Structures are given as structure tokens and as C-alpha cells.
Amino acid sequence: MRCLLIYDIPNDSVRTKVADFCLDFGLDRVQYSAFLGQLSVNHQEELMLKIGKKLGKSPGRIHLFPLCKEDWSKRQVVEQGMEEEGEKG
């Protein structure tokens, strides 16, 4: 299932580790604090557990949104002068 994970984490080291977890799970960075990719339900739960443990008592907010095909097909994007998703430069 396609998922969008976004976060707001003030602590630099925790924020960096959360980004690393997202990359380790195969998610692609789409904004500084936003990742998108395919995750099974089990991987969604595993990722959120890892993030929760790393966050510990530090302040932060993490959202994981599963996106069904219908909702994804209705997305709207305004983009100019940016690399296409998945393109590495």
C-alpha cells in the first residue's frame, strides 16, 4: 500500500535517524520532512514502532497516512523546475 509519512521533530539527531529509518524501509523523500512509498501493513507498524522508540520522550509529531489507489489518483500537484519523482540527479 502506498503511504505518506510526515513529521515535525525539533531534535536534529532524532530527525536524522527517523529519515534514515524511512529510507531503510524503501520510502522516497518528497519534501524535507515527508516520505512516500509502498509499505505493507506489517512494515507500517514496524516502522512506527522503531520511530516511536527512537523519539522516546523527545518532542515530535509523526503521521503515517495509508493512501488507497482511488485517493492517490485524485491527488493534485503543482510542480515547476523540479526533478521528477524517482529521478536521481
N, C-alpha and C. Protein backbone atom coordinates (compact mmCIF):
# COMPACT_ATOMS: atom_id res chain seq x y z
N MET A 1 0.84 -1.17 0.00
CA MET A 1 0.00 0.00 0.00
C MET A 1 0.89 1.24 0.00
N ARG A 2 0.52 2.23 -0.81
CA ARG A 2 1.26 3.49 -0.83
C ARG A 2 1.01 4.25 0.46
N CYS A 3 2.06 4.82 1.05
CA CYS A 3 1.94 5.54 2.32
C CYS A 3 2.71 6.85 2.24
N LEU A 4 2.19 7.82 2.96
CA LEU A 4 2.85 9.11 3.13
C LEU A 4 3.18 9.26 4.61
N LEU A 5 4.45 9.50 4.92
CA LEU A 5 4.87 9.73 6.29
C LEU A 5 5.41 11.15 6.38
N ILE A 6 4.87 11.90 7.33
CA ILE A 6 5.35 13.27 7.56
C ILE A 6 5.68 13.43 9.03
N TYR A 7 6.60 14.33 9.32
CA TYR A 7 6.97 14.52 10.72
C TYR A 7 7.41 15.94 10.99
N ASP A 8 7.32 16.28 12.27
CA ASP A 8 7.84 17.54 12.80
C ASP A 8 8.60 17.17 14.07
N ILE A 9 9.92 17.17 13.98
CA ILE A 9 10.78 16.74 15.08
C ILE A 9 11.87 17.79 15.28
N PRO A 10 11.85 18.49 16.41
CA PRO A 10 12.84 19.55 16.65
C PRO A 10 14.28 19.06 16.84
N ASN A 11 14.47 17.88 17.43
CA ASN A 11 15.80 17.37 17.74
C ASN A 11 16.48 16.86 16.46
N ASP A 12 17.62 17.47 16.11
CA ASP A 12 18.32 17.13 14.86
C ASP A 12 18.70 15.66 14.76
N SER A 13 19.26 15.08 15.83
CA SER A 13 19.73 13.69 15.75
C SER A 13 18.55 12.73 15.63
N VAL A 14 17.46 12.99 16.33
CA VAL A 14 16.27 12.14 16.22
C VAL A 14 15.67 12.28 14.83
N ARG A 15 15.58 13.49 14.33
CA ARG A 15 15.01 13.75 13.00
C ARG A 15 15.83 13.03 11.92
N THR A 16 17.15 13.09 12.03
CA THR A 16 18.01 12.41 11.07
C THR A 16 17.81 10.91 11.11
N LYS A 17 17.69 10.35 12.32
CA LYS A 17 17.51 8.90 12.45
C LYS A 17 16.16 8.47 11.88
N VAL A 18 15.12 9.26 12.10
CA VAL A 18 13.80 8.94 11.55
C VAL A 18 13.87 8.95 10.02
N ALA A 19 14.55 9.93 9.45
CA ALA A 19 14.73 9.96 7.99
C ALA A 19 15.47 8.72 7.52
N ASP A 20 16.50 8.30 8.26
CA ASP A 20 17.24 7.08 7.91
C ASP A 20 16.33 5.86 7.95
N PHE A 21 15.48 5.76 8.97
CA PHE A 21 14.53 4.64 9.06
C PHE A 21 13.64 4.62 7.81
N CYS A 22 13.13 5.79 7.43
CA CYS A 22 12.25 5.87 6.26
C CYS A 22 12.96 5.37 5.01
N LEU A 23 14.21 5.81 4.83
CA LEU A 23 14.99 5.36 3.68
C LEU A 23 15.25 3.86 3.75
N ASP A 24 15.57 3.35 4.95
CA ASP A 24 15.80 1.92 5.13
C ASP A 24 14.58 1.09 4.75
N PHE A 25 13.39 1.64 4.94
CA PHE A 25 12.15 0.94 4.61
C PHE A 25 11.74 1.16 3.15
N GLY A 26 12.61 1.82 2.39
CA GLY A 26 12.36 1.98 0.95
C GLY A 26 11.51 3.18 0.58
N LEU A 27 11.27 4.07 1.53
CA LEU A 27 10.48 5.26 1.21
C LEU A 27 11.36 6.30 0.52
N ASP A 28 10.77 7.12 -0.30
CA ASP A 28 11.48 8.19 -1.01
C ASP A 28 11.14 9.53 -0.37
N ARG A 29 12.14 10.37 -0.21
CA ARG A 29 11.91 11.71 0.34
C ARG A 29 11.24 12.56 -0.75
N VAL A 30 10.09 13.17 -0.40
CA VAL A 30 9.40 14.05 -1.34
C VAL A 30 9.42 15.50 -0.88
N GLN A 31 9.71 15.72 0.38
CA GLN A 31 9.93 17.04 0.97
C GLN A 31 10.93 16.81 2.10
N TYR A 32 11.41 17.87 2.74
CA TYR A 32 12.38 17.70 3.81
C TYR A 32 11.88 16.77 4.91
N SER A 33 10.62 16.88 5.28
CA SER A 33 10.06 16.06 6.36
C SER A 33 8.89 15.21 5.88
N ALA A 34 8.98 14.74 4.64
CA ALA A 34 7.90 13.92 4.08
C ALA A 34 8.49 12.82 3.21
N PHE A 35 7.99 11.60 3.41
CA PHE A 35 8.45 10.44 2.66
C PHE A 35 7.24 9.71 2.09
N LEU A 36 7.44 9.10 0.92
CA LEU A 36 6.36 8.41 0.22
C LEU A 36 6.88 7.08 -0.30
N GLY A 37 6.05 6.06 -0.23
CA GLY A 37 6.44 4.77 -0.79
C GLY A 37 5.47 3.67 -0.43
N GLN A 38 5.81 2.48 -0.88
CA GLN A 38 4.98 1.30 -0.64
C GLN A 38 5.40 0.63 0.67
N LEU A 39 4.42 0.38 1.54
CA LEU A 39 4.67 -0.34 2.79
C LEU A 39 3.51 -1.28 3.07
N SER A 40 3.83 -2.52 3.39
CA SER A 40 2.79 -3.44 3.84
C SER A 40 2.30 -2.98 5.22
N VAL A 41 1.18 -3.50 5.65
CA VAL A 41 0.66 -3.16 6.96
C VAL A 41 1.68 -3.51 8.04
N ASN A 42 2.32 -4.67 7.92
CA ASN A 42 3.33 -5.07 8.90
C ASN A 42 4.50 -4.09 8.92
N HIS A 43 4.95 -3.66 7.75
CA HIS A 43 6.06 -2.71 7.70
C HIS A 43 5.65 -1.33 8.23
N GLN A 44 4.40 -0.95 8.01
CA GLN A 44 3.91 0.30 8.59
C GLN A 44 4.03 0.26 10.11
N GLU A 45 3.56 -0.84 10.70
CA GLU A 45 3.60 -1.00 12.15
C GLU A 45 5.04 -1.05 12.65
N GLU A 46 5.88 -1.79 11.96
CA GLU A 46 7.29 -1.92 12.37
C GLU A 46 7.99 -0.56 12.31
N LEU A 47 7.78 0.19 11.24
CA LEU A 47 8.41 1.50 11.10
C LEU A 47 7.95 2.44 12.21
N MET A 48 6.66 2.47 12.49
CA MET A 48 6.15 3.37 13.52
C MET A 48 6.65 2.97 14.91
N LEU A 49 6.82 1.68 15.16
CA LEU A 49 7.40 1.24 16.44
C LEU A 49 8.84 1.72 16.58
N LYS A 50 9.64 1.55 15.51
CA LYS A 50 11.03 2.00 15.53
C LYS A 50 11.11 3.51 15.76
N ILE A 51 10.26 4.23 15.06
CA ILE A 51 10.26 5.69 15.20
C ILE A 51 9.86 6.08 16.62
N GLY A 52 8.83 5.43 17.14
CA GLY A 52 8.38 5.73 18.50
C GLY A 52 9.46 5.48 19.53
N LYS A 53 10.19 4.39 19.37
CA LYS A 53 11.28 4.08 20.31
C LYS A 53 12.38 5.12 20.19
N LYS A 54 12.74 5.51 18.97
CA LYS A 54 13.80 6.50 18.78
C LYS A 54 13.36 7.86 19.32
N LEU A 55 12.11 8.22 19.13
CA LEU A 55 11.60 9.50 19.62
C LEU A 55 11.65 9.54 21.14
N GLY A 56 11.31 8.42 21.77
CA GLY A 56 11.35 8.35 23.23
C GLY A 56 10.53 9.45 23.85
N LYS A 57 11.15 10.23 24.72
CA LYS A 57 10.45 11.33 25.39
C LYS A 57 10.71 12.68 24.72
N SER A 58 11.43 12.66 23.60
CA SER A 58 11.69 13.90 22.87
C SER A 58 10.39 14.39 22.24
N PRO A 59 10.27 15.72 22.08
CA PRO A 59 9.07 16.23 21.42
C PRO A 59 9.07 15.86 19.94
N GLY A 60 7.91 15.66 19.39
CA GLY A 60 7.80 15.36 17.97
C GLY A 60 6.41 14.90 17.61
N ARG A 61 6.14 14.95 16.33
CA ARG A 61 4.84 14.50 15.80
C ARG A 61 5.10 13.79 14.48
N ILE A 62 4.63 12.56 14.38
CA ILE A 62 4.82 11.76 13.18
C ILE A 62 3.46 11.25 12.74
N HIS A 63 3.15 11.41 11.45
CA HIS A 63 1.90 10.91 10.88
C HIS A 63 2.24 9.95 9.75
N LEU A 64 1.54 8.83 9.72
CA LEU A 64 1.65 7.88 8.61
C LEU A 64 0.26 7.73 8.01
N PHE A 65 0.14 8.10 6.74
CA PHE A 65 -1.14 8.05 6.05
C PHE A 65 -1.11 6.98 4.96
N PRO A 66 -1.86 5.89 5.13
CA PRO A 66 -2.02 4.94 4.02
C PRO A 66 -2.91 5.59 2.96
N LEU A 67 -2.53 5.44 1.69
CA LEU A 67 -3.27 6.06 0.60
C LEU A 67 -3.79 4.99 -0.36
N CYS A 68 -5.10 4.90 -0.47
CA CYS A 68 -5.67 3.92 -1.40
C CYS A 68 -5.48 4.41 -2.84
N LYS A 69 -5.63 3.51 -3.80
CA LYS A 69 -5.43 3.86 -5.21
C LYS A 69 -6.37 4.97 -5.64
N GLU A 70 -7.60 4.94 -5.16
CA GLU A 70 -8.58 5.96 -5.55
C GLU A 70 -8.15 7.34 -5.07
N ASP A 71 -7.74 7.43 -3.80
CA ASP A 71 -7.29 8.72 -3.28
C ASP A 71 -6.03 9.20 -4.00
N TRP A 72 -5.09 8.29 -4.25
CA TRP A 72 -3.86 8.65 -4.93
C TRP A 72 -4.16 9.19 -6.33
N SER A 73 -5.12 8.59 -7.01
CA SER A 73 -5.45 9.04 -8.37
C SER A 73 -6.07 10.43 -8.37
N LYS A 74 -6.57 10.88 -7.24
CA LYS A 74 -7.19 12.20 -7.14
C LYS A 74 -6.22 13.28 -6.66
N ARG A 75 -4.97 12.92 -6.43
CA ARG A 75 -4.01 13.91 -5.93
C ARG A 75 -3.82 15.01 -6.95
N GLN A 76 -3.43 16.17 -6.47
CA GLN A 76 -3.15 17.31 -7.33
C GLN A 76 -1.74 17.81 -7.00
N VAL A 77 -0.99 18.12 -8.02
CA VAL A 77 0.39 18.54 -7.84
C VAL A 77 0.65 19.79 -8.68
N VAL A 78 1.31 20.75 -8.09
CA VAL A 78 1.84 21.89 -8.83
C VAL A 78 3.35 21.79 -8.69
N GLU A 79 4.04 21.69 -9.80
CA GLU A 79 5.49 21.48 -9.76
C GLU A 79 6.12 22.20 -10.92
N GLN A 80 7.26 22.82 -10.66
CA GLN A 80 7.95 23.55 -11.72
C GLN A 80 9.44 23.50 -11.46
N GLY A 81 10.20 23.10 -12.46
CA GLY A 81 11.65 23.13 -12.36
C GLY A 81 12.23 22.14 -11.36
N MET A 82 11.54 21.04 -11.10
CA MET A 82 11.99 20.05 -10.14
C MET A 82 12.24 18.73 -10.87
N GLU A 83 13.09 17.87 -10.28
CA GLU A 83 13.29 16.53 -10.81
C GLU A 83 11.99 15.75 -10.67
N GLU A 84 11.74 14.85 -11.60
CA GLU A 84 10.57 14.00 -11.49
C GLU A 84 10.79 12.99 -10.39
N GLU A 85 9.68 12.53 -9.77
CA GLU A 85 9.75 11.54 -8.70
C GLU A 85 10.52 10.33 -9.18
N GLY A 86 11.50 9.91 -8.38
CA GLY A 86 12.29 8.74 -8.72
C GLY A 86 13.53 9.06 -9.55
N GLU A 87 13.61 10.27 -10.12
CA GLU A 87 14.75 10.67 -10.93
C GLU A 87 15.90 11.08 -10.02
N LYS A 88 17.04 10.55 -10.23
CA LYS A 88 18.22 10.90 -9.42
C LYS A 88 19.15 11.75 -10.28
N GLY A 89 19.64 12.83 -9.69
CA GLY A 89 20.49 13.71 -10.49
C GLY A 89 21.71 13.96 -9.83
